[in-house]
Amino acid sequence: MALSGATATAGSGTDTRACESAGLPRVADASRLAPKDAREMSRLFFDRLALLEEGTPEYQYARNTLIEMNMSLVRFAAGRFRSRGDQDMEDIVQVGMIGLIKAIDRFDLSREAEFTSIAVPYITGEIKRFFRDTTWAVHVPRRLQEARVQLARATEELHSRLGRTPTVQELSDLMSLPEEEVREARIASNGYNSASLDATIGGSESGEAVLRDFIGADDQALELVEDFHSLAPLLAELDERDRQIIHLRFVEELTQGQIGERLGISQMQVSRLLSRTLARLRDGMLAQH
């Protein structure tokens, strides 16, 4: 088989003996194989890998060579995530390698599928999982992201040394940071992960409770929004004095006596006018439903 990116050669040492025993060629610098050569050579190595006993030098040689030959798939997949977050590209590649290894260990030749069609989803899935688990839920300054890591280590060290949760001052002394920065790092840690409002947080007599049940409270006034929309045109139909009485009673919350003094009429007249107006509004609302 002609190889454009590297040559199949015999070497020396453990790998040489392993590849000869496995009936496989020794590939010099397998990571530099051209994609076409890597695909062809991978088929050969997968054929032999299926027959070798796991844990033997021959098996390890075949598996390790497959990993090296297909590293270009990892670099390809990792490149798609280059602009996401502050993660170093080398970290992304290392995570992608985990996906590649999983794909190699689970690849089944009998399915007659191209290895690349199996490997890329494994690699991409592993990288996406990495971003999901390590990306900050809200934006936090870089210095506080770094301080969070330092804080976690210092907290663990002091907790094991003291047998209790360390104080801010103790953390400040160990981390060589002002106490205010330690407090900021603690607050910043809350931005590392976010929780779904549907996340379960404990049990109750009626079953598991979810986070949204404990956040905020029902605003009863929201139930009146629809009524206010229905009421607006009815209020517009009232004469000026009736609208003023409604405003003084329910917006300014004056008593009937105070309204009478404001308008120059008796409290009894205010009561009659208010009752008549409210009855008119009530009838208008009922007619709409």
C-alpha atoms as a PDB file:
ATOM      1  CA  MET A   1       0.000   0.000   0.000  1.00  0.00           C
ATOM      2  CA  ALA A   2       1.461   3.389  -0.971  1.00  0.00           C
ATOM      3  CA  LEU A   3       1.331   5.949   1.854  1.00  0.00           C
ATOM      4  CA  SER A   4       1.571   9.646   1.062  1.00  0.00           C
ATOM      5  CA  GLY A   5       1.948  10.989   4.619  1.00  0.00           C
ATOM      6  CA  ALA A   6       4.263   8.383   6.139  1.00  0.00           C
ATOM      7  CA  THR A   7       5.761   4.998   5.318  1.00  0.00           C
ATOM      8  CA  ALA A   8       5.081   1.569   6.710  1.00  0.00           C
ATOM      9  CA  THR A   9       8.421   0.501   8.090  1.00  0.00           C
ATOM     10  CA  ALA A  10       9.913  -2.014  10.445  1.00  0.00           C
ATOM     11  CA  GLY A  11      11.412  -0.636  13.650  1.00  0.00           C
ATOM     12  CA  SER A  12      12.961  -2.006  16.774  1.00  0.00           C
ATOM     13  CA  GLY A  13      11.916  -2.657  20.341  1.00  0.00           C
ATOM     14  CA  THR A  14       8.597  -3.703  21.870  1.00  0.00           C
ATOM     15  CA  ASP A  15       6.428  -2.116  19.151  1.00  0.00           C
ATOM     16  CA  THR A  16       8.383  -3.909  16.436  1.00  0.00           C
ATOM     17  CA  ARG A  17       7.909  -7.281  18.064  1.00  0.00           C
ATOM     18  CA  ALA A  18       4.244  -6.541  18.770  1.00  0.00           C
ATOM     19  CA  CYS A  19       3.438  -5.446  15.230  1.00  0.00           C
ATOM     20  CA  GLU A  20       5.262  -8.448  13.744  1.00  0.00           C
ATOM     21  CA  SER A  21       3.462 -10.807  16.104  1.00  0.00           C
ATOM     22  CA  ALA A  22       0.114  -9.215  15.237  1.00  0.00           C
ATOM     23  CA  GLY A  23       0.822  -9.438  11.525  1.00  0.00           C
ATOM     24  CA  LEU A  24       0.645  -5.667  11.144  1.00  0.00           C
ATOM     25  CA  PRO A  25       3.036  -3.166   9.550  1.00  0.00           C
ATOM     26  CA  ARG A  26       4.866  -0.705  11.758  1.00  0.00           C
ATOM     27  CA  VAL A  27       3.743   2.814  10.846  1.00  0.00           C
ATOM     28  CA  ALA A  28       6.287   5.553  11.340  1.00  0.00           C
ATOM     29  CA  ASP A  29       4.667   8.718  12.722  1.00  0.00           C
ATOM     30  CA  ALA A  30       1.116   7.467  12.248  1.00  0.00           C
ATOM     31  CA  SER A  31      -0.318  10.855  13.255  1.00  0.00           C
ATOM     32  CA  ARG A  32       0.956  12.339   9.961  1.00  0.00           C
ATOM     33  CA  LEU A  33      -0.799   9.914   7.650  1.00  0.00           C
ATOM     34  CA  ALA A  34      -2.857  11.541   4.916  1.00  0.00           C
ATOM     35  CA  PRO A  35      -6.621  11.144   5.564  1.00  0.00           C
ATOM     36  CA  LYS A  36      -7.092   8.676   2.669  1.00  0.00           C
ATOM     37  CA  ASP A  37      -4.156   6.542   3.833  1.00  0.00           C
ATOM     38  CA  ALA A  38      -5.398   6.689   7.417  1.00  0.00           C
ATOM     39  CA  ARG A  39      -8.817   5.360   6.371  1.00  0.00           C
ATOM     40  CA  GLU A  40      -7.309   2.460   4.432  1.00  0.00           C
ATOM     41  CA  MET A  41      -4.773   1.581   7.103  1.00  0.00           C
ATOM     42  CA  SER A  42      -7.436   1.835   9.831  1.00  0.00           C
ATOM     43  CA  ARG A  43      -9.483  -0.913   8.171  1.00  0.00           C
ATOM     44  CA  LEU A  44      -6.477  -3.226   8.310  1.00  0.00           C
ATOM     45  CA  PHE A  45      -5.803  -2.444  11.965  1.00  0.00           C
ATOM     46  CA  PHE A  46      -9.457  -2.828  12.963  1.00  0.00           C
ATOM     47  CA  ASP A  47      -9.532  -6.212  11.237  1.00  0.00           C
ATOM     48  CA  ARG A  48      -6.598  -7.399  13.332  1.00  0.00           C
ATOM     49  CA  LEU A  49      -7.768  -5.666  16.535  1.00  0.00           C
ATOM     50  CA  ALA A  50     -10.991  -7.710  16.494  1.00  0.00           C
ATOM     51  CA  LEU A  51      -8.907 -10.921  16.610  1.00  0.00           C
ATOM     52  CA  LEU A  52      -6.361  -9.882  19.238  1.00  0.00           C
ATOM     53  CA  GLU A  53      -6.692 -10.477  22.941  1.00  0.00           C
ATOM     54  CA  GLU A  54      -7.296  -7.304  24.920  1.00  0.00           C
ATOM     55  CA  GLY A  55      -4.389  -6.312  27.135  1.00  0.00           C
ATOM     56  CA  THR A  56      -1.675  -8.012  25.080  1.00  0.00           C
ATOM     57  CA  PRO A  57       1.222  -6.004  23.567  1.00  0.00           C
ATOM     58  CA  GLU A  58      -0.151  -6.781  20.104  1.00  0.00           C
ATOM     59  CA  TYR A  59      -3.589  -5.409  21.029  1.00  0.00           C
ATOM     60  CA  GLN A  60      -2.083  -2.272  22.587  1.00  0.00           C
ATOM     61  CA  TYR A  61       0.059  -1.659  19.504  1.00  0.00           C
ATOM     62  CA  ALA A  62      -2.916  -1.930  17.153  1.00  0.00           C
ATOM     63  CA  ARG A  63      -5.109   0.261  19.360  1.00  0.00           C
ATOM     64  CA  ASN A  64      -2.458   2.940  19.952  1.00  0.00           C
ATOM     65  CA  THR A  65      -1.659   3.113  16.246  1.00  0.00           C
ATOM     66  CA  LEU A  66      -5.338   3.532  15.428  1.00  0.00           C
ATOM     67  CA  ILE A  67      -5.484   6.445  17.875  1.00  0.00           C
ATOM     68  CA  GLU A  68      -2.467   8.115  16.286  1.00  0.00           C
ATOM     69  CA  MET A  69      -3.692   7.546  12.732  1.00  0.00           C
ATOM     70  CA  ASN A  70      -7.028   9.221  13.446  1.00  0.00           C
ATOM     71  CA  MET A  71      -5.862  12.237  15.435  1.00  0.00           C
ATOM     72  CA  SER A  72      -6.660  14.410  12.407  1.00  0.00           C
ATOM     73  CA  LEU A  73     -10.361  13.756  13.115  1.00  0.00           C
ATOM     74  CA  VAL A  74      -9.912  15.242  16.578  1.00  0.00           C
ATOM     75  CA  ARG A  75      -8.140  18.314  15.242  1.00  0.00           C
ATOM     76  CA  PHE A  76     -10.885  18.761  12.645  1.00  0.00           C
ATOM     77  CA  ALA A  77     -13.682  18.544  15.238  1.00  0.00           C
ATOM     78  CA  ALA A  78     -11.837  20.724  17.770  1.00  0.00           C
ATOM     79  CA  GLY A  79     -11.377  23.452  15.172  1.00  0.00           C
ATOM     80  CA  ARG A  80     -15.126  23.945  15.038  1.00  0.00           C
ATOM     81  CA  PHE A  81     -15.063  25.035  18.688  1.00  0.00           C
ATOM     82  CA  ARG A  82     -12.115  27.424  18.368  1.00  0.00           C
ATOM     83  CA  SER A  83     -14.170  30.558  18.980  1.00  0.00           C
ATOM     84  CA  ARG A  84     -16.203  29.265  21.901  1.00  0.00           C
ATOM     85  CA  GLY A  85     -15.368  30.497  25.392  1.00  0.00           C
ATOM     86  CA  ASP A  86     -11.902  30.972  26.869  1.00  0.00           C
ATOM     87  CA  GLN A  87     -10.835  27.344  26.624  1.00  0.00           C
ATOM     88  CA  ASP A  88      -7.339  26.582  25.372  1.00  0.00           C
ATOM     89  CA  MET A  89      -7.312  24.673  22.065  1.00  0.00           C
ATOM     90  CA  GLU A  90      -4.994  22.048  23.531  1.00  0.00           C
ATOM     91  CA  ASP A  91      -7.567  21.329  26.248  1.00  0.00           C
ATOM     92  CA  ILE A  92     -10.266  20.900  23.598  1.00  0.00           C
ATOM     93  CA  VAL A  93      -8.073  18.512  21.612  1.00  0.00           C
ATOM     94  CA  GLN A  94      -7.325  16.444  24.713  1.00  0.00           C
ATOM     95  CA  VAL A  95     -11.040  16.133  25.431  1.00  0.00           C
ATOM     96  CA  GLY A  96     -11.672  15.185  21.810  1.00  0.00           C
ATOM     97  CA  MET A  97      -9.082  12.411  22.150  1.00  0.00           C
ATOM     98  CA  ILE A  98     -11.283  10.831  24.817  1.00  0.00           C
ATOM     99  CA  GLY A  99     -14.108  10.708  22.282  1.00  0.00           C
ATOM    100  CA  LEU A 100     -11.787   9.177  19.681  1.00  0.00           C
ATOM    101  CA  ILE A 101     -10.676   6.437  22.078  1.00  0.00           C
ATOM    102  CA  LYS A 102     -14.296   5.658  22.948  1.00  0.00           C
ATOM    103  CA  ALA A 103     -15.122   5.414  19.240  1.00  0.00           C
ATOM    104  CA  ILE A 104     -12.216   3.030  18.613  1.00  0.00           C
ATOM    105  CA  ASP A 105     -13.153   0.804  21.549  1.00  0.00           C
ATOM    106  CA  ARG A 106     -16.799   0.637  20.444  1.00  0.00           C
ATOM    107  CA  PHE A 107     -16.366   0.432  16.658  1.00  0.00           C
ATOM    108  CA  ASP A 108     -17.939  -2.648  15.122  1.00  0.00           C
ATOM    109  CA  LEU A 109     -16.620  -3.658  11.700  1.00  0.00           C
ATOM    110  CA  SER A 110     -19.646  -5.855  11.061  1.00  0.00           C
ATOM    111  CA  ARG A 111     -21.856  -2.768  10.756  1.00  0.00           C
ATOM    112  CA  GLU A 112     -20.044  -1.889   7.504  1.00  0.00           C
ATOM    113  CA  ALA A 113     -19.937   1.795   8.409  1.00  0.00           C
ATOM    114  CA  GLU A 114     -16.989   4.109   7.835  1.00  0.00           C
ATOM    115  CA  PHE A 115     -15.074   4.685  11.057  1.00  0.00           C
ATOM    116  CA  THR A 116     -15.075   8.447  10.460  1.00  0.00           C
ATOM    117  CA  SER A 117     -18.893   8.490  10.479  1.00  0.00           C
ATOM    118  CA  ILE A 118     -18.799   6.893  13.930  1.00  0.00           C
ATOM    119  CA  ALA A 119     -15.798   8.724  15.362  1.00  0.00           C
ATOM    120  CA  VAL A 120     -16.723  12.337  14.599  1.00  0.00           C
ATOM    121  CA  PRO A 121     -20.031  12.246  16.580  1.00  0.00           C
ATOM    122  CA  TYR A 122     -18.188  10.654  19.529  1.00  0.00           C
ATOM    123  CA  ILE A 123     -15.468  13.314  19.423  1.00  0.00           C
ATOM    124  CA  THR A 124     -17.892  16.205  18.977  1.00  0.00           C
ATOM    125  CA  GLY A 125     -20.151  14.898  21.730  1.00  0.00           C
ATOM    126  CA  GLU A 126     -17.265  14.702  24.171  1.00  0.00           C
ATOM    127  CA  ILE A 127     -16.194  18.268  23.386  1.00  0.00           C
ATOM    128  CA  LYS A 128     -19.760  19.576  23.743  1.00  0.00           C
ATOM    129  CA  ARG A 129     -20.036  17.823  27.091  1.00  0.00           C
ATOM    130  CA  PHE A 130     -16.788  19.480  28.147  1.00  0.00           C
ATOM    131  CA  PHE A 131     -18.133  22.941  27.297  1.00  0.00           C
ATOM    132  CA  ARG A 132     -21.427  22.180  29.007  1.00  0.00           C
ATOM    133  CA  ASP A 133     -19.683  21.140  32.214  1.00  0.00           C
ATOM    134  CA  THR A 134     -16.990  23.833  32.324  1.00  0.00           C
ATOM    135  CA  THR A 135     -18.461  26.961  30.750  1.00  0.00           C
ATOM    136  CA  TRP A 136     -19.571  29.668  33.166  1.00  0.00           C
ATOM    137  CA  ALA A 137     -23.336  30.190  33.271  1.00  0.00           C
ATOM    138  CA  VAL A 138     -22.883  33.971  33.532  1.00  0.00           C
ATOM    139  CA  HIS A 139     -19.971  36.198  32.518  1.00  0.00           C
ATOM    140  CA  VAL A 140     -17.346  36.432  35.241  1.00  0.00           C
ATOM    141  CA  PRO A 141     -14.065  38.402  34.936  1.00  0.00           C
ATOM    142  CA  ARG A 142     -11.017  36.274  34.143  1.00  0.00           C
ATOM    143  CA  ARG A 143      -9.265  37.144  37.418  1.00  0.00           C
ATOM    144  CA  LEU A 144     -12.262  35.880  39.389  1.00  0.00           C
ATOM    145  CA  GLN A 145     -12.446  32.691  37.338  1.00  0.00           C
ATOM    146  CA  GLU A 146      -8.821  32.021  38.271  1.00  0.00           C
ATOM    147  CA  ALA A 147      -9.437  33.037  41.886  1.00  0.00           C
ATOM    148  CA  ARG A 148     -12.298  30.530  42.063  1.00  0.00           C
ATOM    149  CA  VAL A 149      -9.928  27.666  41.270  1.00  0.00           C
ATOM    150  CA  GLN A 150      -7.446  28.950  43.859  1.00  0.00           C
ATOM    151  CA  LEU A 151     -10.269  29.338  46.378  1.00  0.00           C
ATOM    152  CA  ALA A 152     -11.463  25.766  45.857  1.00  0.00           C
ATOM    153  CA  ARG A 153      -7.973  24.390  46.475  1.00  0.00           C
ATOM    154  CA  ALA A 154      -7.385  26.583  49.523  1.00  0.00           C
ATOM    155  CA  THR A 155     -10.776  25.674  50.994  1.00  0.00           C
ATOM    156  CA  GLU A 156     -10.117  21.955  50.575  1.00  0.00           C
ATOM    157  CA  GLU A 157      -6.631  22.239  52.089  1.00  0.00           C
ATOM    158  CA  LEU A 158      -7.768  24.232  55.125  1.00  0.00           C
ATOM    159  CA  HIS A 159     -10.834  22.073  55.664  1.00  0.00           C
ATOM    160  CA  SER A 160      -8.713  18.931  55.835  1.00  0.00           C
ATOM    161  CA  ARG A 161      -6.195  20.683  58.085  1.00  0.00           C
ATOM    162  CA  LEU A 162      -8.671  22.354  60.447  1.00  0.00           C
ATOM    163  CA  GLY A 163     -11.544  19.889  60.280  1.00  0.00           C
ATOM    164  CA  ARG A 164     -14.021  22.700  59.636  1.00  0.00           C
ATOM    165  CA  THR A 165     -14.992  25.281  57.049  1.00  0.00           C
ATOM    166  CA  PRO A 166     -12.250  27.938  56.927  1.00  0.00           C
ATOM    167  CA  THR A 167     -12.997  31.605  57.569  1.00  0.00           C
ATOM    168  CA  VAL A 168     -12.498  34.351  55.002  1.00  0.00           C
ATOM    169  CA  GLN A 169      -9.468  35.593  56.924  1.00  0.00           C
ATOM    170  CA  GLU A 170      -7.864  32.124  56.945  1.00  0.00           C
ATOM    171  CA  LEU A 171      -8.456  31.773  53.215  1.00  0.00           C
ATOM    172  CA  SER A 172      -7.107  35.266  52.642  1.00  0.00           C
ATOM    173  CA  ASP A 173      -3.887  34.421  54.498  1.00  0.00           C
ATOM    174  CA  LEU A 174      -3.341  31.165  52.594  1.00  0.00           C
ATOM    175  CA  MET A 175      -4.201  32.610  49.177  1.00  0.00           C
ATOM    176  CA  SER A 176      -2.273  35.862  49.773  1.00  0.00           C
ATOM    177  CA  LEU A 177      -5.301  37.818  48.623  1.00  0.00           C
ATOM    178  CA  PRO A 178      -7.270  40.634  50.291  1.00  0.00           C
ATOM    179  CA  GLU A 179     -10.368  39.401  52.130  1.00  0.00           C
ATOM    180  CA  GLU A 180     -12.566  41.399  49.735  1.00  0.00           C
ATOM    181  CA  GLU A 181     -11.209  39.434  46.756  1.00  0.00           C
ATOM    182  CA  VAL A 182     -11.854  36.158  48.587  1.00  0.00           C
ATOM    183  CA  ARG A 183     -15.461  37.225  49.103  1.00  0.00           C
ATOM    184  CA  GLU A 184     -15.738  38.191  45.418  1.00  0.00           C
ATOM    185  CA  ALA A 185     -14.332  34.793  44.405  1.00  0.00           C
ATOM    186  CA  ARG A 186     -16.965  33.083  46.537  1.00  0.00           C
ATOM    187  CA  ILE A 187     -19.722  35.095  44.886  1.00  0.00           C
ATOM    188  CA  ALA A 188     -18.229  34.432  41.438  1.00  0.00           C
ATOM    189  CA  SER A 189     -18.408  30.702  42.103  1.00  0.00           C
ATOM    190  CA  ASN A 190     -22.173  30.999  41.969  1.00  0.00           C
ATOM    191  CA  GLY A 191     -21.873  31.963  38.311  1.00  0.00           C
ATOM    192  CA  TYR A 192     -20.132  28.718  37.376  1.00  0.00           C
ATOM    193  CA  ASN A 193     -23.287  26.647  37.053  1.00  0.00           C
ATOM    194  CA  SER A 194     -26.942  27.444  36.571  1.00  0.00           C
ATOM    195  CA  ALA A 195     -29.849  25.277  37.579  1.00  0.00           C
ATOM    196  CA  SER A 196     -33.008  24.630  35.659  1.00  0.00           C
ATOM    197  CA  LEU A 197     -36.200  25.910  37.257  1.00  0.00           C
ATOM    198  CA  ASP A 198     -37.447  22.344  36.806  1.00  0.00           C
ATOM    199  CA  ALA A 199     -34.516  20.875  38.760  1.00  0.00           C
ATOM    200  CA  THR A 200     -35.620  18.704  41.683  1.00  0.00           C
ATOM    201  CA  ILE A 201     -34.275  19.886  45.024  1.00  0.00           C
ATOM    202  CA  GLY A 202     -35.796  17.535  47.544  1.00  0.00           C
ATOM    203  CA  GLY A 203     -38.701  15.474  48.610  1.00  0.00           C
ATOM    204  CA  SER A 204     -42.099  16.426  49.951  1.00  0.00           C
ATOM    205  CA  GLU A 205     -45.223  14.613  51.040  1.00  0.00           C
ATOM    206  CA  SER A 206     -46.645  14.884  47.538  1.00  0.00           C
ATOM    207  CA  GLY A 207     -43.415  13.913  45.782  1.00  0.00           C
ATOM    208  CA  GLU A 208     -40.299  15.717  44.612  1.00  0.00           C
ATOM    209  CA  ALA A 209     -40.315  19.504  44.677  1.00  0.00           C
ATOM    210  CA  VAL A 210     -38.760  21.639  41.927  1.00  0.00           C
ATOM    211  CA  LEU A 211     -36.762  24.840  42.204  1.00  0.00           C
ATOM    212  CA  ARG A 212     -39.435  27.100  40.709  1.00  0.00           C
ATOM    213  CA  ASP A 213     -41.761  26.227  43.620  1.00  0.00           C
ATOM    214  CA  PHE A 214     -39.448  28.096  45.986  1.00  0.00           C
ATOM    215  CA  ILE A 215     -38.634  31.167  43.909  1.00  0.00           C
ATOM    216  CA  GLY A 216     -40.830  34.245  44.223  1.00  0.00           C
ATOM    217  CA  ALA A 217     -44.514  34.233  45.014  1.00  0.00           C
ATOM    218  CA  ASP A 218     -47.737  34.376  43.050  1.00  0.00           C
ATOM    219  CA  ASP A 219     -48.778  37.943  42.265  1.00  0.00           C
ATOM    220  CA  GLN A 220     -52.504  37.983  42.786  1.00  0.00           C
ATOM    221  CA  ALA A 221     -52.741  41.300  40.931  1.00  0.00           C
ATOM    222  CA  LEU A 222     -51.802  39.511  37.720  1.00  0.00           C
ATOM    223  CA  GLU A 223     -55.210  37.875  37.759  1.00  0.00           C
ATOM    224  CA  LEU A 224     -56.755  41.353  37.534  1.00  0.00           C
ATOM    225  CA  VAL A 225     -54.934  42.347  34.336  1.00  0.00           C
ATOM    226  CA  GLU A 226     -57.639  40.910  32.093  1.00  0.00           C
ATOM    227  CA  ASP A 227     -60.320  42.598  34.202  1.00  0.00           C
ATOM    228  CA  PHE A 228     -58.534  45.954  33.900  1.00  0.00           C
ATOM    229  CA  HIS A 229     -58.483  45.623  30.118  1.00  0.00           C
ATOM    230  CA  SER A 230     -62.222  44.921  30.116  1.00  0.00           C
ATOM    231  CA  LEU A 231     -62.915  47.729  32.563  1.00  0.00           C
ATOM    232  CA  ALA A 232     -61.108  50.487  30.660  1.00  0.00           C
ATOM    233  CA  PRO A 233     -63.780  51.120  27.978  1.00  0.00           C
ATOM    234  CA  LEU A 234     -66.539  51.035  30.626  1.00  0.00           C
ATOM    235  CA  LEU A 235     -64.758  53.718  32.663  1.00  0.00           C
ATOM    236  CA  ALA A 236     -64.376  55.816  29.523  1.00  0.00           C
ATOM    237  CA  GLU A 237     -68.181  55.855  29.158  1.00  0.00           C
ATOM    238  CA  LEU A 238     -68.703  57.410  32.616  1.00  0.00           C
ATOM    239  CA  ASP A 239     -69.213  61.142  33.029  1.00  0.00           C
ATOM    240  CA  GLU A 240     -66.409  63.245  34.484  1.00  0.00           C
ATOM    241  CA  ARG A 241     -67.771  63.322  38.069  1.00  0.00           C
ATOM    242  CA  ASP A 242     -68.334  59.558  38.273  1.00  0.00           C
ATOM    243  CA  ARG A 243     -64.802  58.879  36.972  1.00  0.00           C
ATOM    244  CA  GLN A 244     -63.401  61.330  39.511  1.00  0.00           C
ATOM    245  CA  ILE A 245     -65.225  59.613  42.378  1.00  0.00           C
ATOM    246  CA  ILE A 246     -63.876  56.223  41.270  1.00  0.00           C
ATOM    247  CA  HIS A 247     -60.368  57.688  41.080  1.00  0.00           C
ATOM    248  CA  LEU A 248     -60.547  59.339  44.493  1.00  0.00           C
ATOM    249  CA  ARG A 249     -61.945  56.199  46.146  1.00  0.00           C
ATOM    250  CA  PHE A 250     -59.817  53.465  44.580  1.00  0.00           C
ATOM    251  CA  VAL A 251     -56.638  55.243  43.460  1.00  0.00           C
ATOM    252  CA  GLU A 252     -56.167  57.943  46.076  1.00  0.00           C
ATOM    253  CA  GLU A 253     -58.029  55.749  48.595  1.00  0.00           C
ATOM    254  CA  LEU A 254     -59.993  58.602  50.168  1.00  0.00           C
ATOM    255  CA  THR A 255     -62.989  57.944  52.416  1.00  0.00           C
ATOM    256  CA  GLN A 256     -66.483  58.852  51.246  1.00  0.00           C
ATOM    257  CA  GLY A 257     -66.449  61.807  53.650  1.00  0.00           C
ATOM    258  CA  GLN A 258     -63.134  63.091  52.255  1.00  0.00           C
ATOM    259  CA  ILE A 259     -64.454  62.712  48.697  1.00  0.00           C
ATOM    260  CA  GLY A 260     -67.564  64.714  49.665  1.00  0.00           C
ATOM    261  CA  GLU A 261     -65.370  67.514  51.063  1.00  0.00           C
ATOM    262  CA  ARG A 262     -63.221  67.489  47.897  1.00  0.00           C
ATOM    263  CA  LEU A 263     -66.300  67.690  45.596  1.00  0.00           C
ATOM    264  CA  GLY A 264     -68.478  69.899  47.828  1.00  0.00           C
ATOM    265  CA  ILE A 265     -71.265  67.319  48.293  1.00  0.00           C
ATOM    266  CA  SER A 266     -72.444  65.224  51.223  1.00  0.00           C
ATOM    267  CA  GLN A 267     -71.071  61.849  52.216  1.00  0.00           C
ATOM    268  CA  MET A 268     -74.536  60.380  51.543  1.00  0.00           C
ATOM    269  CA  GLN A 269     -74.491  61.691  47.951  1.00  0.00           C
ATOM    270  CA  VAL A 270     -71.027  60.194  47.441  1.00  0.00           C
ATOM    271  CA  SER A 271     -72.283  56.832  48.714  1.00  0.00           C
ATOM    272  CA  ARG A 272     -75.255  56.838  46.321  1.00  0.00           C
ATOM    273  CA  LEU A 273     -73.163  57.932  43.328  1.00  0.00           C
ATOM    274  CA  LEU A 274     -70.471  55.371  44.098  1.00  0.00           C
ATOM    275  CA  SER A 275     -72.988  52.521  44.486  1.00  0.00           C
ATOM    276  CA  ARG A 276     -74.697  53.431  41.219  1.00  0.00           C
ATOM    277  CA  THR A 277     -71.409  53.683  39.311  1.00  0.00           C
ATOM    278  CA  LEU A 278     -70.060  50.384  40.665  1.00  0.00           C
ATOM    279  CA  ALA A 279     -73.333  48.630  39.780  1.00  0.00           C
ATOM    280  CA  ARG A 280     -73.084  49.990  36.238  1.00  0.00           C
ATOM    281  CA  LEU A 281     -69.493  48.807  35.904  1.00  0.00           C
ATOM    282  CA  ARG A 282     -70.369  45.393  37.368  1.00  0.00           C
ATOM    283  CA  ASP A 283     -73.222  44.913  34.912  1.00  0.00           C
ATOM    284  CA  GLY A 284     -70.957  45.922  32.040  1.00  0.00           C
ATOM    285  CA  MET A 285     -68.291  43.403  33.092  1.00  0.00           C
ATOM    286  CA  LEU A 286     -70.825  40.588  33.435  1.00  0.00           C
ATOM    287  CA  ALA A 287     -72.238  41.345  30.009  1.00  0.00           C
ATOM    288  CA  GLN A 288     -68.774  40.803  28.484  1.00  0.00           C
ATOM    289  CA  HIS A 289     -68.318  37.282  29.930  1.00  0.00           C
END
